[in-house]
Amino acid sequence: MEHLRHIRGRVDQIAEDMGELKHRMSGLEQSMTLVKREINLSEETDARQQITPDKLAERVGRIERRLELS
């Protein structure tokens, strides 16, 4: 009977530890989601910043053609 009580106590402790691990994993998953969102936003910003110089180069090219500079 004493062995069963000991086993039961260990099972309860393992169940408590598993609950804590699940809670911590949920926090990590949420953090990873935020990190992924930040990376995506950063990539979008980089893409937008690249478009601006491209548009400027296109506009300068048109101006040069109109003024017959090229």
PDB file of N, CA and C in Angstrom:
ATOM      1  N   MET A   1       0.822  -1.196   0.000  1.00  0.00           N
ATOM      2  CA  MET A   1       0.000   0.000   0.000  1.00  0.00           C
ATOM      3  C   MET A   1       0.875   1.272   0.000  1.00  0.00           C
ATOM      4  N   GLU A   2       1.976   1.214   0.733  1.00  0.00           N
ATOM      5  CA  GLU A   2       2.892   2.350   0.809  1.00  0.00           C
ATOM      6  C   GLU A   2       3.494   2.652  -0.562  1.00  0.00           C
ATOM      7  N   HIS A   3       3.815   1.597  -1.299  1.00  0.00           N
ATOM      8  CA  HIS A   3       4.355   1.774  -2.658  1.00  0.00           C
ATOM      9  C   HIS A   3       3.348   2.464  -3.568  1.00  0.00           C
ATOM     10  N   LEU A   4       2.088   2.086  -3.438  1.00  0.00           N
ATOM     11  CA  LEU A   4       1.043   2.711  -4.254  1.00  0.00           C
ATOM     12  C   LEU A   4       0.910   4.185  -3.934  1.00  0.00           C
ATOM     13  N   ARG A   5       1.000   4.565  -2.654  1.00  0.00           N
ATOM     14  CA  ARG A   5       0.942   5.974  -2.270  1.00  0.00           C
ATOM     15  C   ARG A   5       2.124   6.751  -2.857  1.00  0.00           C
ATOM     16  N   HIS A   6       3.289   6.135  -2.809  1.00  0.00           N
ATOM     17  CA  HIS A   6       4.477   6.765  -3.375  1.00  0.00           C
ATOM     18  C   HIS A   6       4.324   6.954  -4.885  1.00  0.00           C
ATOM     19  N   ILE A   7       3.849   5.915  -5.555  1.00  0.00           N
ATOM     20  CA  ILE A   7       3.629   5.994  -7.006  1.00  0.00           C
ATOM     21  C   ILE A   7       2.601   7.065  -7.315  1.00  0.00           C
ATOM     22  N   ARG A   8       1.525   7.096  -6.571  1.00  0.00           N
ATOM     23  CA  ARG A   8       0.479   8.100  -6.769  1.00  0.00           C
ATOM     24  C   ARG A   8       1.034   9.515  -6.585  1.00  0.00           C
ATOM     25  N   GLY A   9       1.862   9.704  -5.574  1.00  0.00           N
ATOM     26  CA  GLY A   9       2.478  11.005  -5.335  1.00  0.00           C
ATOM     27  C   GLY A   9       3.364  11.420  -6.505  1.00  0.00           C
ATOM     28  N   ARG A  10       4.128  10.485  -7.026  1.00  0.00           N
ATOM     29  CA  ARG A  10       4.999  10.777  -8.173  1.00  0.00           C
ATOM     30  C   ARG A  10       4.169  11.090  -9.418  1.00  0.00           C
ATOM     31  N   VAL A  11       3.107  10.352  -9.641  1.00  0.00           N
ATOM     32  CA  VAL A  11       2.234  10.608 -10.791  1.00  0.00           C
ATOM     33  C   VAL A  11       1.618  11.993 -10.676  1.00  0.00           C
ATOM     34  N   ASP A  12       1.194  12.362  -9.489  1.00  0.00           N
ATOM     35  CA  ASP A  12       0.633  13.702  -9.278  1.00  0.00           C
ATOM     36  C   ASP A  12       1.679  14.777  -9.570  1.00  0.00           C
ATOM     37  N   GLN A  13       2.916  14.542  -9.114  1.00  0.00           N
ATOM     38  CA  GLN A  13       3.986  15.508  -9.358  1.00  0.00           C
ATOM     39  C   GLN A  13       4.277  15.625 -10.856  1.00  0.00           C
ATOM     40  N   ILE A  14       4.296  14.490 -11.544  1.00  0.00           N
ATOM     41  CA  ILE A  14       4.528  14.493 -12.997  1.00  0.00           C
ATOM     42  C   ILE A  14       3.410  15.240 -13.710  1.00  0.00           C
ATOM     43  N   ALA A  15       2.169  15.016 -13.288  1.00  0.00           N
ATOM     44  CA  ALA A  15       1.033  15.713 -13.899  1.00  0.00           C
ATOM     45  C   ALA A  15       1.150  17.221 -13.674  1.00  0.00           C
ATOM     46  N   GLU A  16       1.577  17.626 -12.488  1.00  0.00           N
ATOM     47  CA  GLU A  16       1.752  19.049 -12.204  1.00  0.00           C
ATOM     48  C   GLU A  16       2.870  19.637 -13.071  1.00  0.00           C
ATOM     49  N   ASP A  17       3.961  18.898 -13.188  1.00  0.00           N
ATOM     50  CA  ASP A  17       5.072  19.351 -14.031  1.00  0.00           C
ATOM     51  C   ASP A  17       4.636  19.480 -15.489  1.00  0.00           C
ATOM     52  N   MET A  18       3.855  18.540 -15.968  1.00  0.00           N
ATOM     53  CA  MET A  18       3.373  18.586 -17.352  1.00  0.00           C
ATOM     54  C   MET A  18       2.477  19.809 -17.568  1.00  0.00           C
ATOM     55  N   GLY A  19       1.640  20.115 -16.598  1.00  0.00           N
ATOM     56  CA  GLY A  19       0.792  21.305 -16.699  1.00  0.00           C
ATOM     57  C   GLY A  19       1.635  22.564 -16.808  1.00  0.00           C
ATOM     58  N   GLU A  20       2.697  22.633 -15.995  1.00  0.00           N
ATOM     59  CA  GLU A  20       3.586  23.790 -16.042  1.00  0.00           C
ATOM     60  C   GLU A  20       4.303  23.866 -17.397  1.00  0.00           C
ATOM     61  N   LEU A  21       4.752  22.729 -17.903  1.00  0.00           N
ATOM     62  CA  LEU A  21       5.424  22.711 -19.202  1.00  0.00           C
ATOM     63  C   LEU A  21       4.487  23.139 -20.326  1.00  0.00           C
ATOM     64  N   LYS A  22       3.248  22.699 -20.269  1.00  0.00           N
ATOM     65  CA  LYS A  22       2.269  23.109 -21.284  1.00  0.00           C
ATOM     66  C   LYS A  22       2.058  24.616 -21.247  1.00  0.00           C
ATOM     67  N   HIS A  23       1.981  25.152 -20.049  1.00  0.00           N
ATOM     68  CA  HIS A  23       1.796  26.596 -19.885  1.00  0.00           C
ATOM     69  C   HIS A  23       2.988  27.354 -20.467  1.00  0.00           C
ATOM     70  N   ARG A  24       4.193  26.881 -20.165  1.00  0.00           N
ATOM     71  CA  ARG A  24       5.397  27.535 -20.675  1.00  0.00           C
ATOM     72  C   ARG A  24       5.487  27.409 -22.192  1.00  0.00           C
ATOM     73  N   MET A  25       5.109  26.262 -22.735  1.00  0.00           N
ATOM     74  CA  MET A  25       5.129  26.077 -24.191  1.00  0.00           C
ATOM     75  C   MET A  25       4.141  27.031 -24.874  1.00  0.00           C
ATOM     76  N   SER A  26       3.000  27.246 -24.266  1.00  0.00           N
ATOM     77  CA  SER A  26       2.030  28.187 -24.829  1.00  0.00           C
ATOM     78  C   SER A  26       2.633  29.585 -24.890  1.00  0.00           C
ATOM     79  N   GLY A  27       3.345  29.968 -23.832  1.00  0.00           N
ATOM     80  CA  GLY A  27       4.008  31.266 -23.825  1.00  0.00           C
ATOM     81  C   GLY A  27       5.060  31.368 -24.911  1.00  0.00           C
ATOM     82  N   LEU A  28       5.827  30.300 -25.094  1.00  0.00           N
ATOM     83  CA  LEU A  28       6.835  30.296 -26.155  1.00  0.00           C
ATOM     84  C   LEU A  28       6.199  30.384 -27.532  1.00  0.00           C
ATOM     85  N   GLU A  29       5.106  29.671 -27.737  1.00  0.00           N
ATOM     86  CA  GLU A  29       4.412  29.725 -29.030  1.00  0.00           C
ATOM     87  C   GLU A  29       3.906  31.138 -29.315  1.00  0.00           C
ATOM     88  N   GLN A  30       3.370  31.793 -28.299  1.00  0.00           N
ATOM     89  CA  GLN A  30       2.901  33.166 -28.475  1.00  0.00           C
ATOM     90  C   GLN A  30       4.066  34.094 -28.807  1.00  0.00           C
ATOM     91  N   SER A  31       5.179  33.900 -28.121  1.00  0.00           N
ATOM     92  CA  SER A  31       6.361  34.725 -28.401  1.00  0.00           C
ATOM     93  C   SER A  31       6.859  34.499 -29.817  1.00  0.00           C
ATOM     94  N   MET A  32       6.878  33.262 -30.259  1.00  0.00           N
ATOM     95  CA  MET A  32       7.334  32.949 -31.611  1.00  0.00           C
ATOM     96  C   MET A  32       6.398  33.577 -32.646  1.00  0.00           C
ATOM     97  N   THR A  33       5.120  33.577 -32.374  1.00  0.00           N
ATOM     98  CA  THR A  33       4.166  34.202 -33.282  1.00  0.00           C
ATOM     99  C   THR A  33       4.452  35.697 -33.392  1.00  0.00           C
ATOM    100  N   LEU A  34       4.745  36.339 -32.269  1.00  0.00           N
ATOM    101  CA  LEU A  34       5.073  37.767 -32.292  1.00  0.00           C
ATOM    102  C   LEU A  34       6.364  38.021 -33.057  1.00  0.00           C
ATOM    103  N   VAL A  35       7.353  37.156 -32.872  1.00  0.00           N
ATOM    104  CA  VAL A  35       8.621  37.309 -33.586  1.00  0.00           C
ATOM    105  C   VAL A  35       8.390  37.163 -35.089  1.00  0.00           C
ATOM    106  N   LYS A  36       7.616  36.165 -35.481  1.00  0.00           N
ATOM    107  CA  LYS A  36       7.314  35.965 -36.906  1.00  0.00           C
ATOM    108  C   LYS A  36       6.592  37.179 -37.484  1.00  0.00           C
ATOM    109  N   ARG A  37       5.659  37.745 -36.707  1.00  0.00           N
ATOM    110  CA  ARG A  37       4.929  38.925 -37.161  1.00  0.00           C
ATOM    111  C   ARG A  37       5.881  40.108 -37.355  1.00  0.00           C
ATOM    112  N   GLU A  38       6.808  40.285 -36.425  1.00  0.00           N
ATOM    113  CA  GLU A  38       7.791  41.359 -36.531  1.00  0.00           C
ATOM    114  C   GLU A  38       8.683  41.172 -37.750  1.00  0.00           C
ATOM    115  N   ILE A  39       9.084  39.936 -38.019  1.00  0.00           N
ATOM    116  CA  ILE A  39       9.917  39.655 -39.191  1.00  0.00           C
ATOM    117  C   ILE A  39       9.149  39.988 -40.460  1.00  0.00           C
ATOM    118  N   ASN A  40       7.891  39.590 -40.529  1.00  0.00           N
ATOM    119  CA  ASN A  40       7.078  39.888 -41.711  1.00  0.00           C
ATOM    120  C   ASN A  40       6.918  41.389 -41.917  1.00  0.00           C
ATOM    121  N   LEU A  41       6.677  42.109 -40.835  1.00  0.00           N
ATOM    122  CA  LEU A  41       6.549  43.566 -40.943  1.00  0.00           C
ATOM    123  C   LEU A  41       7.863  44.192 -41.409  1.00  0.00           C
ATOM    124  N   SER A  42       8.961  43.673 -40.912  1.00  0.00           N
ATOM    125  CA  SER A  42      10.268  44.183 -41.317  1.00  0.00           C
ATOM    126  C   SER A  42      10.513  43.932 -42.802  1.00  0.00           C
ATOM    127  N   GLU A  43      10.148  42.759 -43.272  1.00  0.00           N
ATOM    128  CA  GLU A  43      10.319  42.440 -44.691  1.00  0.00           C
ATOM    129  C   GLU A  43       9.439  43.335 -45.563  1.00  0.00           C
ATOM    130  N   GLU A  44       8.215  43.611 -45.106  1.00  0.00           N
ATOM    131  CA  GLU A  44       7.335  44.504 -45.852  1.00  0.00           C
ATOM    132  C   GLU A  44       7.923  45.915 -45.913  1.00  0.00           C
ATOM    133  N   THR A  45       8.472  46.364 -44.792  1.00  0.00           N
ATOM    134  CA  THR A  45       9.089  47.690 -44.754  1.00  0.00           C
ATOM    135  C   THR A  45      10.275  47.749 -45.705  1.00  0.00           C
ATOM    136  N   ASP A  46      11.094  46.710 -45.697  1.00  0.00           N
ATOM    137  CA  ASP A  46      12.240  46.650 -46.614  1.00  0.00           C
ATOM    138  C   ASP A  46      11.781  46.709 -48.064  1.00  0.00           C
ATOM    139  N   ALA A  47      10.722  45.988 -48.383  1.00  0.00           N
ATOM    140  CA  ALA A  47      10.207  45.978 -49.755  1.00  0.00           C
ATOM    141  C   ALA A  47       9.713  47.367 -50.147  1.00  0.00           C
ATOM    142  N   ARG A  48       8.996  48.031 -49.233  1.00  0.00           N
ATOM    143  CA  ARG A  48       8.510  49.378 -49.523  1.00  0.00           C
ATOM    144  C   ARG A  48       9.654  50.359 -49.710  1.00  0.00           C
ATOM    145  N   GLN A  49      10.693  50.214 -48.892  1.00  0.00           N
ATOM    146  CA  GLN A  49      11.834  51.109 -49.011  1.00  0.00           C
ATOM    147  C   GLN A  49      12.582  50.882 -50.321  1.00  0.00           C
ATOM    148  N   GLN A  50      12.555  49.682 -50.836  1.00  0.00           N
ATOM    149  CA  GLN A  50      13.203  49.412 -52.114  1.00  0.00           C
ATOM    150  C   GLN A  50      12.391  49.993 -53.266  1.00  0.00           C
ATOM    151  N   ILE A  51      11.084  50.003 -53.140  1.00  0.00           N
ATOM    152  CA  ILE A  51      10.218  50.538 -54.196  1.00  0.00           C
ATOM    153  C   ILE A  51      10.465  52.034 -54.378  1.00  0.00           C
ATOM    154  N   THR A  52      10.668  52.756 -53.299  1.00  0.00           N
ATOM    155  CA  THR A  52      10.862  54.209 -53.376  1.00  0.00           C
ATOM    156  C   THR A  52      12.055  54.584 -54.252  1.00  0.00           C
ATOM    157  N   PRO A  53      13.253  54.028 -54.052  1.00  0.00           N
ATOM    158  CA  PRO A  53      14.366  54.378 -54.946  1.00  0.00           C
ATOM    159  C   PRO A  53      14.104  53.957 -56.399  1.00  0.00           C
ATOM    160  N   ASP A  54      13.419  52.841 -56.580  1.00  0.00           N
ATOM    161  CA  ASP A  54      13.095  52.393 -57.938  1.00  0.00           C
ATOM    162  C   ASP A  54      12.189  53.405 -58.635  1.00  0.00           C
ATOM    163  N   LYS A  55      11.189  53.896 -57.899  1.00  0.00           N
ATOM    164  CA  LYS A  55      10.280  54.887 -58.474  1.00  0.00           C
ATOM    165  C   LYS A  55      11.019  56.187 -58.779  1.00  0.00           C
ATOM    166  N   LEU A  56      11.904  56.582 -57.864  1.00  0.00           N
ATOM    167  CA  LEU A  56      12.675  57.802 -58.088  1.00  0.00           C
ATOM    168  C   LEU A  56      13.561  57.671 -59.326  1.00  0.00           C
ATOM    169  N   ALA A  57      14.209  56.529 -59.484  1.00  0.00           N
ATOM    170  CA  ALA A  57      15.061  56.312 -60.658  1.00  0.00           C
ATOM    171  C   ALA A  57      14.231  56.362 -61.931  1.00  0.00           C
ATOM    172  N   GLU A  58      13.034  55.808 -61.879  1.00  0.00           N
ATOM    173  CA  GLU A  58      12.145  55.841 -63.039  1.00  0.00           C
ATOM    174  C   GLU A  58      11.749  57.280 -63.372  1.00  0.00           C
ATOM    175  N   ARG A  59      11.424  58.050 -62.352  1.00  0.00           N
ATOM    176  CA  ARG A  59      11.036  59.452 -62.573  1.00  0.00           C
ATOM    177  C   ARG A  59      12.201  60.262 -63.128  1.00  0.00           C
ATOM    178  N   VAL A  60      13.397  60.060 -62.600  1.00  0.00           N
ATOM    179  CA  VAL A  60      14.570  60.776 -63.101  1.00  0.00           C
ATOM    180  C   VAL A  60      14.809  60.405 -64.563  1.00  0.00           C
ATOM    181  N   GLY A  61      14.632  59.130 -64.878  1.00  0.00           N
ATOM    182  CA  GLY A  61      14.792  58.697 -66.267  1.00  0.00           C
ATOM    183  C   GLY A  61      13.812  59.403 -67.193  1.00  0.00           C
ATOM    184  N   ARG A  62      12.576  59.531 -66.772  1.00  0.00           N
ATOM    185  CA  ARG A  62      11.574  60.231 -67.591  1.00  0.00           C
ATOM    186  C   ARG A  62      11.936  61.702 -67.761  1.00  0.00           C
ATOM    187  N   ILE A  63      12.381  62.328 -66.664  1.00  0.00           N
ATOM    188  CA  ILE A  63      12.769  63.747 -66.733  1.00  0.00           C
ATOM    189  C   ILE A  63      13.939  63.924 -67.697  1.00  0.00           C
ATOM    190  N   GLU A  64      14.914  63.036 -67.590  1.00  0.00           N
ATOM    191  CA  GLU A  64      16.079  63.131 -68.480  1.00  0.00           C
ATOM    192  C   GLU A  64      15.655  62.972 -69.939  1.00  0.00           C
ATOM    193  N   ARG A  65      14.732  62.055 -70.208  1.00  0.00           N
ATOM    194  CA  ARG A  65      14.263  61.860 -71.583  1.00  0.00           C
ATOM    195  C   ARG A  65      13.523  63.100 -72.082  1.00  0.00           C
ATOM    196  N   ARG A  66      12.699  63.670 -71.217  1.00  0.00           N
ATOM    197  CA  ARG A  66      11.956  64.879 -71.622  1.00  0.00           C
ATOM    198  C   ARG A  66      12.906  66.042 -71.909  1.00  0.00           C
ATOM    199  N   LEU A  67      13.935  66.159 -71.106  1.00  0.00           N
ATOM    200  CA  LEU A  67      14.881  67.253 -71.290  1.00  0.00           C
ATOM    201  C   LEU A  67      15.979  66.888 -72.282  1.00  0.00           C
ATOM    202  N   GLU A  68      15.879  65.677 -72.789  1.00  0.00           N
ATOM    203  CA  GLU A  68      16.854  65.154 -73.763  1.00  0.00           C
ATOM    204  C   GLU A  68      18.274  65.216 -73.200  1.00  0.00           C
ATOM    205  N   LEU A  69      18.400  64.776 -71.941  1.00  0.00           N
ATOM    206  CA  LEU A  69      19.716  64.760 -71.283  1.00  0.00           C
ATOM    207  C   LEU A  69      20.410  63.417 -71.441  1.00  0.00           C
ATOM    208  N   SER A  70      19.685  62.409 -71.771  1.00  0.00           N
ATOM    209  CA  SER A  70      20.327  61.088 -71.853  1.00  0.00           C
ATOM    210  C   SER A  70      20.585  60.656 -73.273  1.00  0.00           C
TER     211      SER A  70
END
